[in-house]
Protein backbone atom coordinates (compact mmCIF):
# COMPACT_ATOMS: atom_id res chain seq x y z
CA MET A 1 15.44 -8.96 37.47
CA GLY A 2 18.51 -9.03 35.18
CA LEU A 3 20.08 -6.32 33.14
CA SER A 4 17.94 -3.66 31.54
CA VAL A 5 17.51 -3.59 27.82
CA LEU A 6 19.90 -0.68 27.33
CA GLU A 7 22.52 -2.29 29.60
CA SER A 8 22.78 -5.30 27.34
CA ARG A 9 25.67 -4.82 24.93
CA ARG A 10 24.28 -7.39 22.57
CA ALA A 11 20.91 -5.67 22.55
CA LEU A 12 22.50 -2.32 21.80
CA THR A 13 24.37 -3.66 18.80
CA LEU A 14 21.23 -5.39 17.57
CA TYR A 15 19.30 -2.13 17.84
CA MET A 16 22.04 -0.38 15.84
CA ALA A 17 21.93 -3.11 13.20
CA ALA A 18 18.16 -2.74 12.95
CA GLY A 19 18.49 1.02 12.53
CA ALA A 20 21.11 0.68 9.80
CA ALA A 21 19.26 -2.05 7.91
CA PHE A 22 15.98 -0.17 7.96
CA ALA A 23 17.64 3.12 7.04
CA ALA A 24 18.82 1.45 3.85
CA ILE A 25 15.35 0.00 3.26
CA ALA A 26 13.68 3.36 3.89
CA ALA A 27 16.06 5.25 1.62
CA ARG A 28 15.33 2.69 -1.05
CA GLY A 29 11.60 3.05 -0.39
CA LEU A 30 11.87 6.74 -1.28
CA LEU A 31 14.37 6.53 -4.11
CA VAL A 32 13.07 3.54 -6.09
CA PRO A 33 9.54 4.97 -6.60
CA LEU A 34 11.00 8.34 -7.60
CA TYR A 35 13.47 6.71 -9.97
CA ALA A 36 10.80 4.42 -11.45
CA HIS A 37 8.50 7.42 -11.88
CA ASP A 38 11.27 9.21 -13.75
CA LEU A 39 11.65 6.15 -16.00
CA GLY A 40 7.96 6.35 -16.92
CA ALA A 41 6.42 3.82 -14.52
CA SER A 42 2.67 4.13 -13.91
CA ARG A 43 1.11 4.52 -10.47
CA PHE A 44 0.21 0.83 -10.45
CA GLU A 45 3.76 -0.17 -11.43
CA VAL A 46 5.16 1.94 -8.60
CA GLY A 47 2.85 0.21 -6.15
CA ALA A 48 3.75 -3.17 -7.68
CA LEU A 49 7.46 -2.45 -7.12
CA PHE A 50 6.70 -2.14 -3.43
CA SER A 51 4.52 -5.25 -3.47
CA VAL A 52 6.98 -7.61 -5.17
CA SER A 53 9.60 -6.68 -2.59
CA THR A 54 7.29 -7.36 0.33
CA PHE A 55 5.96 -10.57 -1.25
CA ALA A 56 9.55 -11.78 -1.53
CA ALA A 57 10.11 -10.86 2.12
CA ALA A 58 6.98 -12.80 3.07
CA LEU A 59 8.16 -15.78 1.03
CA LEU A 60 11.42 -16.01 2.96
CA SER A 61 10.21 -15.07 6.45
CA LEU A 62 8.92 -18.49 7.50
CA PRO A 63 11.85 -20.43 5.97
CA SER A 64 14.10 -17.90 7.72
CA GLY A 65 12.49 -18.87 11.01
CA LEU A 66 13.28 -22.53 10.34
CA LEU A 67 16.86 -21.62 9.46
CA ILE A 68 17.26 -19.55 12.65
CA ASP A 69 16.20 -22.52 14.77
CA ARG A 70 18.89 -24.64 13.10
CA ILE A 71 21.81 -22.43 12.04
CA GLY A 72 21.36 -19.48 14.42
CA ALA A 73 20.37 -15.88 13.81
CA ARG A 74 23.92 -14.65 13.25
CA THR A 75 24.53 -16.58 10.02
CA LEU A 76 21.16 -15.60 8.60
CA LEU A 77 21.63 -11.91 9.48
CA TRP A 78 24.96 -11.83 7.63
CA THR A 79 23.35 -13.45 4.59
CA SER A 80 20.48 -10.99 4.59
CA LEU A 81 22.79 -7.96 4.76
CA ILE A 82 24.77 -9.23 1.77
CA LEU A 83 21.56 -9.72 -0.22
CA SER A 84 20.34 -6.23 0.66
CA ALA A 85 23.60 -4.51 -0.25
CA GLY A 86 23.96 -6.41 -3.52
CA SER A 87 20.41 -5.70 -4.65
CA GLN A 88 20.69 -2.00 -3.84
CA LEU A 89 23.90 -1.62 -5.79
CA ALA A 90 22.33 -3.54 -8.69
CA THR A 91 19.32 -1.21 -8.59
CA ALA A 92 21.68 1.70 -9.16
CA THR A 93 22.85 0.10 -12.43
CA SER A 94 19.32 -0.37 -13.86
CA THR A 95 18.19 1.84 -16.72
CA THR A 96 14.67 0.46 -17.32
CA VAL A 97 11.74 -0.41 -15.08
CA PHE A 98 11.81 -4.21 -15.45
CA PRO A 99 15.19 -4.81 -13.74
CA LEU A 100 13.93 -2.79 -10.78
CA PHE A 101 11.36 -5.54 -10.17
CA VAL A 102 14.10 -8.18 -10.14
CA TRP A 103 16.24 -6.32 -7.63
CA GLN A 104 13.24 -5.45 -5.51
CA VAL A 105 12.59 -9.19 -5.19
CA VAL A 106 16.20 -9.82 -4.11
CA GLY A 107 16.06 -6.93 -1.66
CA GLY A 108 12.78 -8.24 -0.30
CA LEU A 109 14.34 -11.63 0.36
CA GLY A 110 17.05 -9.88 2.36
CA ALA A 111 14.48 -7.83 4.28
CA GLY A 112 12.48 -10.92 5.19
CA ALA A 113 15.55 -12.64 6.60
CA GLN A 114 16.55 -9.48 8.50
CA GLN A 115 13.10 -9.15 10.08
CA ALA A 116 13.07 -12.72 11.36
CA SER A 117 16.69 -12.76 12.54
CA LEU A 118 16.52 -9.42 14.37
CA PHE A 119 13.25 -10.16 16.16
CA SER A 120 14.42 -13.64 17.11
CA SER A 121 17.79 -12.30 18.34
CA VAL A 122 16.20 -9.70 20.60
CA THR A 123 13.60 -12.15 21.92
CA GLU A 124 16.42 -14.51 22.89
CA SER A 125 18.65 -11.79 24.36
CA VAL A 126 16.34 -10.10 26.90
CA PRO A 127 14.27 -11.30 29.90
CA ALA A 128 10.65 -12.19 29.20
CA ASN A 129 9.34 -9.57 31.62
CA ARG A 130 11.05 -6.85 29.57
CA LEU A 131 9.92 -8.06 26.16
CA GLY A 132 7.57 -5.13 25.61
CA ARG A 133 10.32 -2.61 26.32
CA SER A 134 12.82 -4.52 24.21
CA MET A 135 10.38 -4.61 21.30
CA GLY A 136 9.85 -0.90 21.86
CA TRP A 137 13.58 -0.23 21.60
CA LEU A 138 14.00 -2.55 18.61
CA THR A 139 11.17 -0.99 16.68
CA PHE A 140 12.31 2.47 17.80
CA SER A 141 15.67 1.68 16.20
CA MET A 142 13.92 0.57 13.05
CA GLN A 143 11.92 3.78 12.96
CA ALA A 144 15.06 5.80 13.60
CA GLY A 145 16.33 4.13 10.45
CA PHE A 146 13.10 5.02 8.68
CA PHE A 147 13.73 8.63 9.71
CA LEU A 148 17.41 8.76 8.81
CA GLY A 149 17.06 6.92 5.52
CA PRO A 150 14.57 9.27 3.80
CA THR A 151 16.17 12.33 5.42
CA ILE A 152 19.62 11.47 4.10
CA ALA A 153 18.22 10.42 0.73
CA GLY A 154 16.06 13.54 0.45
CA LEU A 155 18.99 15.83 1.25
CA MET A 156 21.22 13.99 -1.20
CA VAL A 157 18.61 14.18 -3.97
CA ALA A 158 18.34 17.93 -3.37
CA VAL A 159 22.11 18.23 -3.94
CA ILE A 160 22.75 15.34 -6.35
CA PRO A 161 20.11 15.19 -9.11
CA ASN A 162 21.23 11.69 -10.18
CA VAL A 163 18.89 9.40 -8.22
CA ARG A 164 20.78 6.28 -9.33
CA LEU A 165 23.97 7.60 -7.74
CA VAL A 166 22.13 8.38 -4.52
CA VAL A 167 20.77 4.80 -4.42
CA ALA A 168 24.34 3.48 -4.61
CA LEU A 169 25.70 5.88 -2.00
CA THR A 170 23.00 5.13 0.59
CA THR A 171 24.05 1.46 0.56
CA ALA A 172 26.97 2.51 2.79
CA VAL A 173 24.68 2.80 5.83
CA LEU A 174 24.61 -1.01 6.01
CA LEU A 175 28.18 -0.87 7.34
CA PHE A 176 26.71 0.19 10.70
CA ALA A 177 24.89 -3.16 10.89
CA ILE A 178 28.16 -5.12 11.10
CA PRO A 179 28.56 -4.96 14.94
CA GLY A 180 25.06 -6.31 15.40
CA ALA A 181 25.68 -9.11 12.92
CA LEU A 182 28.81 -10.04 14.87
CA ALA A 183 26.97 -10.00 18.22
CA ALA A 184 23.78 -11.78 17.12
CA PRO A 185 23.25 -15.11 18.93
CA SER A 186 24.28 -18.24 17.08
CA THR A 187 22.24 -20.60 19.25
CA ARG A 188 20.70 -23.53 17.41
CA GLN A 189 17.30 -24.12 18.95
CA ALA A 190 16.58 -27.36 17.08
CA GLN A 191 18.44 -30.23 15.46
CA GLY A 192 17.64 -32.80 12.79
CA ARG A 193 15.18 -32.41 9.96
CA PHE A 194 13.20 -29.27 9.26
CA GLU A 195 9.87 -29.50 11.07
CA LEU A 196 7.23 -26.95 10.17
CA VAL A 197 3.84 -28.60 10.63
CA ALA A 198 4.11 -29.27 14.38
CA PRO A 199 5.17 -25.73 15.45
CA VAL A 200 2.59 -24.11 13.17
CA ARG A 201 -0.12 -26.42 14.52
CA ALA A 202 0.94 -25.46 18.04
CA LEU A 203 0.55 -21.79 17.16
CA PHE A 204 -2.94 -22.24 15.73
CA SER A 205 -4.00 -24.18 18.83
CA GLN A 206 -3.47 -21.11 21.01
CA ARG A 207 -6.59 -18.99 21.43
CA ALA A 208 -4.75 -15.69 21.00
CA PHE A 209 -3.15 -16.63 17.69
CA LEU A 210 -5.90 -16.16 15.09
CA PRO A 211 -7.16 -12.84 16.51
CA VAL A 212 -3.64 -11.39 16.63
CA VAL A 213 -3.06 -12.47 13.01
CA ILE A 214 -6.23 -10.66 11.95
CA GLY A 215 -5.15 -7.63 13.95
CA LEU A 216 -1.73 -7.68 12.30
CA VAL A 217 -3.31 -7.91 8.84
CA SER A 218 -5.67 -5.01 9.51
CA ALA A 219 -2.90 -2.74 10.80
CA THR A 220 -0.36 -3.68 8.16
CA LEU A 221 -2.78 -3.46 5.23
CA VAL A 222 -3.51 0.22 5.83
CA TRP A 223 0.05 1.04 6.90
CA GLY A 224 1.57 -0.61 3.82
CA THR A 225 -0.80 1.05 1.36
CA VAL A 226 0.10 4.52 2.59
CA GLY A 227 3.79 3.63 2.69
CA ALA A 228 3.84 2.32 -0.88
CA PHE A 229 2.15 5.34 -2.45
CA LEU A 230 3.28 8.18 -0.17
CA PRO A 231 6.34 9.15 -2.29
CA ILE A 232 4.36 9.64 -5.52
CA PHE A 233 1.28 10.84 -3.61
CA GLY A 234 3.50 13.59 -2.26
CA ARG A 235 4.58 14.53 -5.76
CA GLU A 236 1.27 14.24 -7.60
CA ALA A 237 -1.45 15.06 -5.05
CA LEU A 238 0.40 17.16 -2.50
CA ALA A 239 2.50 18.87 -5.22
CA LEU A 240 5.72 18.62 -3.18
CA PRO A 241 9.29 18.51 -4.51
CA SER A 242 11.26 15.31 -3.92
CA SER A 243 13.19 16.79 -0.99
CA GLN A 244 9.98 17.70 0.86
CA VAL A 245 8.55 14.24 0.18
CA GLY A 246 11.62 12.87 1.96
CA PHE A 247 11.07 15.27 4.87
CA LEU A 248 7.41 14.17 5.11
CA LEU A 249 8.54 10.55 5.39
CA ALA A 250 11.04 11.66 8.01
CA VAL A 251 8.32 13.40 10.05
CA GLN A 252 6.30 10.20 9.99
CA ALA A 253 9.33 8.17 11.05
CA ILE A 254 10.08 10.55 13.96
CA ALA A 255 6.53 10.27 15.26
CA ASN A 256 6.69 6.52 14.75
CA GLY A 257 10.00 6.09 16.54
CA LEU A 258 9.26 8.36 19.51
CA ALA A 259 6.08 6.41 20.21
CA ARG A 260 7.82 3.03 20.40
CA ILE A 261 9.54 3.30 23.79
CA PRO A 262 6.55 4.60 25.80
CA GLY A 263 4.41 2.28 23.71
CA GLY A 264 6.51 -0.67 24.86
CA ARG A 265 6.02 0.29 28.50
CA LEU A 266 2.28 0.63 27.92
CA VAL A 267 2.18 -2.83 26.36
CA ASP A 268 4.11 -4.35 29.31
CA TRP A 269 1.68 -2.69 31.71
CA ALA A 270 -1.58 -3.48 29.91
CA PRO A 271 -3.44 -6.64 31.04
CA HIS A 272 -4.84 -7.08 27.51
CA ARG A 273 -3.05 -6.14 24.28
CA TRP A 274 -5.87 -6.40 21.74
CA PRO A 275 -7.52 -3.04 22.68
CA ILE A 276 -4.18 -1.37 21.89
CA VAL A 277 -4.10 -3.03 18.46
CA PHE A 278 -7.74 -2.15 17.80
CA THR A 279 -7.40 1.51 18.77
CA GLY A 280 -4.16 2.01 16.86
CA THR A 281 -5.54 0.45 13.69
CA VAL A 282 -8.79 2.39 13.70
CA VAL A 283 -7.10 5.74 14.38
CA TRP A 284 -4.57 5.20 11.57
CA ALA A 285 -7.30 4.01 9.19
CA VAL A 286 -9.24 7.22 9.79
CA ALA A 287 -6.05 9.23 9.29
CA THR A 288 -5.49 7.43 5.97
CA ILE A 289 -8.97 8.36 4.79
CA VAL A 290 -8.36 12.01 5.71
CA LEU A 291 -4.90 12.02 4.10
CA GLY A 292 -6.35 11.41 0.65
CA HIS A 293 -8.17 14.75 0.79
CA LEU A 294 -5.26 16.96 1.93
CA HIS A 295 -2.84 19.21 0.03
CA GLY A 296 0.53 20.80 0.72
CA PHE A 297 3.06 19.85 3.41
CA VAL A 298 1.81 21.16 6.77
CA ALA A 299 -1.59 19.44 7.03
CA PRO A 300 -0.27 15.95 6.06
CA ALA A 301 2.68 16.41 8.44
CA VAL A 302 0.34 17.30 11.34
CA LEU A 303 -1.82 14.28 10.49
CA MET A 304 1.25 12.03 10.55
CA ILE A 305 2.30 13.39 13.94
CA ILE A 306 -1.14 12.74 15.42
CA GLY A 307 -1.99 9.39 13.86
CA THR A 308 1.32 7.57 13.64
CA PRO A 309 1.93 6.97 17.40
CA PHE A 310 -1.30 4.97 17.62
CA ILE A 311 -0.37 2.52 14.85
CA ALA A 312 3.21 2.37 16.16
CA THR A 313 2.04 1.21 19.58
CA ALA A 314 -0.28 -1.30 17.91
CA PHE A 315 2.68 -2.90 16.14
CA VAL A 316 4.62 -3.11 19.42
CA ALA A 317 1.66 -4.90 21.01
CA VAL A 318 1.41 -7.37 18.14
CA GLY A 319 5.14 -8.14 18.32
CA VAL A 320 4.92 -8.83 22.05
CA VAL A 321 1.95 -11.17 21.62
CA PHE A 322 3.86 -13.17 19.00
CA GLY A 323 6.88 -13.26 21.29
CA ASN A 324 4.77 -14.58 24.16
CA LEU A 325 3.24 -17.23 21.90
CA SER A 326 6.64 -18.70 21.05
CA ALA A 327 8.46 -21.51 22.83
CA ALA A 328 12.27 -21.62 22.96
CA SER A 329 12.49 -24.48 20.48
CA THR A 330 10.19 -22.78 17.94
CA ARG A 331 11.06 -19.12 18.45
CA GLY A 332 12.40 -18.73 14.93
CA VAL A 333 9.31 -20.30 13.35
CA THR A 334 7.00 -18.07 15.38
CA MET A 335 8.80 -14.87 14.45
CA GLY A 336 9.12 -16.13 10.89
CA PHE A 337 5.35 -16.58 10.76
CA TYR A 338 4.99 -13.05 12.12
CA GLY A 339 7.19 -11.78 9.30
CA THR A 340 5.26 -13.75 6.69
CA VAL A 341 1.91 -12.29 7.72
CA LEU A 342 3.42 -8.82 8.05
CA PHE A 343 5.00 -8.77 4.59
CA LEU A 344 2.03 -10.43 2.86
CA ALA A 345 -0.27 -7.75 4.23
CA LEU A 346 2.22 -5.02 3.30
CA ALA A 347 2.31 -6.37 -0.26
CA GLY A 348 -1.43 -6.98 -0.45
CA GLY A 349 -2.45 -3.41 0.28
CA PRO A 350 -0.90 -1.78 -2.82
CA LEU A 351 -2.07 -4.66 -5.05
CA LEU A 352 -5.64 -4.53 -3.74
CA PHE A 353 -6.06 -0.77 -3.68
CA GLY A 354 -3.55 0.26 -6.35
CA PRO A 355 -6.08 -0.27 -9.17
CA ILE A 356 -8.58 1.95 -7.34
CA ILE A 357 -5.92 4.64 -6.93
CA GLN A 358 -4.98 4.29 -10.62
CA ALA A 359 -8.60 4.58 -11.81
CA ASP A 360 -10.29 6.84 -9.27
CA GLY A 361 -7.49 8.70 -7.46
CA TYR A 362 -5.79 8.64 -4.10
CA ALA A 363 -8.79 9.72 -2.06
CA ALA A 364 -10.90 6.79 -3.26
CA GLY A 365 -8.09 4.26 -2.82
CA PHE A 366 -7.10 5.44 0.65
CA THR A 367 -10.75 5.52 1.75
CA ALA A 368 -11.38 1.96 0.57
CA CYS A 369 -8.25 0.77 2.35
CA GLY A 370 -9.20 2.50 5.61
CA VAL A 371 -12.71 1.02 5.58
CA VAL A 372 -11.38 -2.53 5.05
CA ALA A 373 -8.85 -2.10 7.87
CA ILE A 374 -11.54 -0.92 10.28
CA ALA A 375 -13.74 -3.87 9.34
CA LEU A 376 -10.92 -6.35 10.05
CA ALA A 377 -10.16 -4.64 13.37
CA LEU A 378 -13.82 -5.06 14.34
CA VAL A 379 -13.59 -8.78 13.53
CA MET A 380 -10.55 -9.08 15.81
CA ALA A 381 -12.36 -7.24 18.61
CA ALA A 382 -15.42 -9.49 18.22
CA MET A 383 -13.24 -12.61 18.52
CA HIS A 384 -11.89 -11.31 21.81
CA ALA A 385 -15.27 -10.09 23.10
CA GLU A 386 -16.97 -13.50 22.86
CA PRO A 387 -14.49 -15.32 25.17
CA LEU A 388 -14.75 -12.40 27.59
CA ARG A 389 -18.53 -12.82 27.74
CA ARG A 390 -18.17 -16.56 28.33
CA ARG A 391 -15.63 -16.00 31.10
CA ALA A 392 -18.10 -13.68 32.81
CA GLU A 393 -20.49 -16.65 33.06
CA VAL A 394 -18.13 -19.63 33.59
CA SER A 395 -14.83 -19.80 35.47
CA LEU A 396 -12.03 -20.60 33.01
CA PRO A 397 -8.25 -21.05 33.34
CA PRO A 398 -6.07 -17.96 32.78
CA ALA A 399 -5.74 -16.78 29.17
CA THR A 400 -2.59 -17.21 27.15
CA PRO A 401 -0.02 -14.58 28.27
CA GLY A 402 -0.09 -11.52 26.04
CA THR A 403 -3.78 -11.58 25.18
């Protein structure tokens, strides 16, 4: 059966790199909105700062997949870490809102390359029958970073009132990503000219592809909207100090991370993955609607603890389906496409629902977002239900693995 995920030295270093990279991203996700708010940015501008970063990540995700197939994940991971560190240090030197947009774009480019290179590295490094567990450990590491980043940043802000200085200091966590960057595989899966049309056409030809894309959009849209506005929502609607906003993000990250490992085992065990995606999306969408009507720290924290594990397991399931859809020669393109859809949906949520939040408040914006996510999840479920009804009447070949 091969070595377990935790027994793989390469996998361990990759998990550590993921944790470090996402700790820096999460710290930035807390600090940049707070700093922009202090500089006089509006609610919409704060949401737009999140969106430009994720749009940049989406822009580079698919090209990153092509690069991975030709230059290897190791080179791209090093490049992405340099971009992330440079943009974060540059953010700390900014004194107006506009430069923050520029450095958010640069940081987003780094994040997009990190996403594709880490997922591709882990997919290549572990046996196929353990992909669910490996994705669970990888995303657990990312969520550990999402816990540590805001926790460290929140504690530092409580002690050091200069947010710009804290942004610079939290860049140091990227040093822990170096072992993973050294251990990442450098395998070149393809040679010659860059070929995008054929692998993308092959993806669309698989029956499971379009439904899982819709499922990813529905889950990410509602997850990204809450993530973009949660720091200033905590300040303005929940009336929390900055340190408690950081702790609220940390609570969410703990619930998210702890769900990933058992969620990975559940995904490996489940004969169909789409019900997991559907349930997780709907539960989190309902939680988002409720969140807009809460106040204080305790009730939102309890809601995060209850709702987050469902959406966390949904993301594990989506990652495994994409991994199963990929062939060895197009693994980078497949995971790059995954990153593109993920980051576009993350960016789209704040842009779509930010104006509603600006005009009508958080409750209205979060409710609209939750309703749209539920509608998309129902579309995904309907696309899976129709083939199931046909298979009940006519004998068909086995479905694509992972569906």
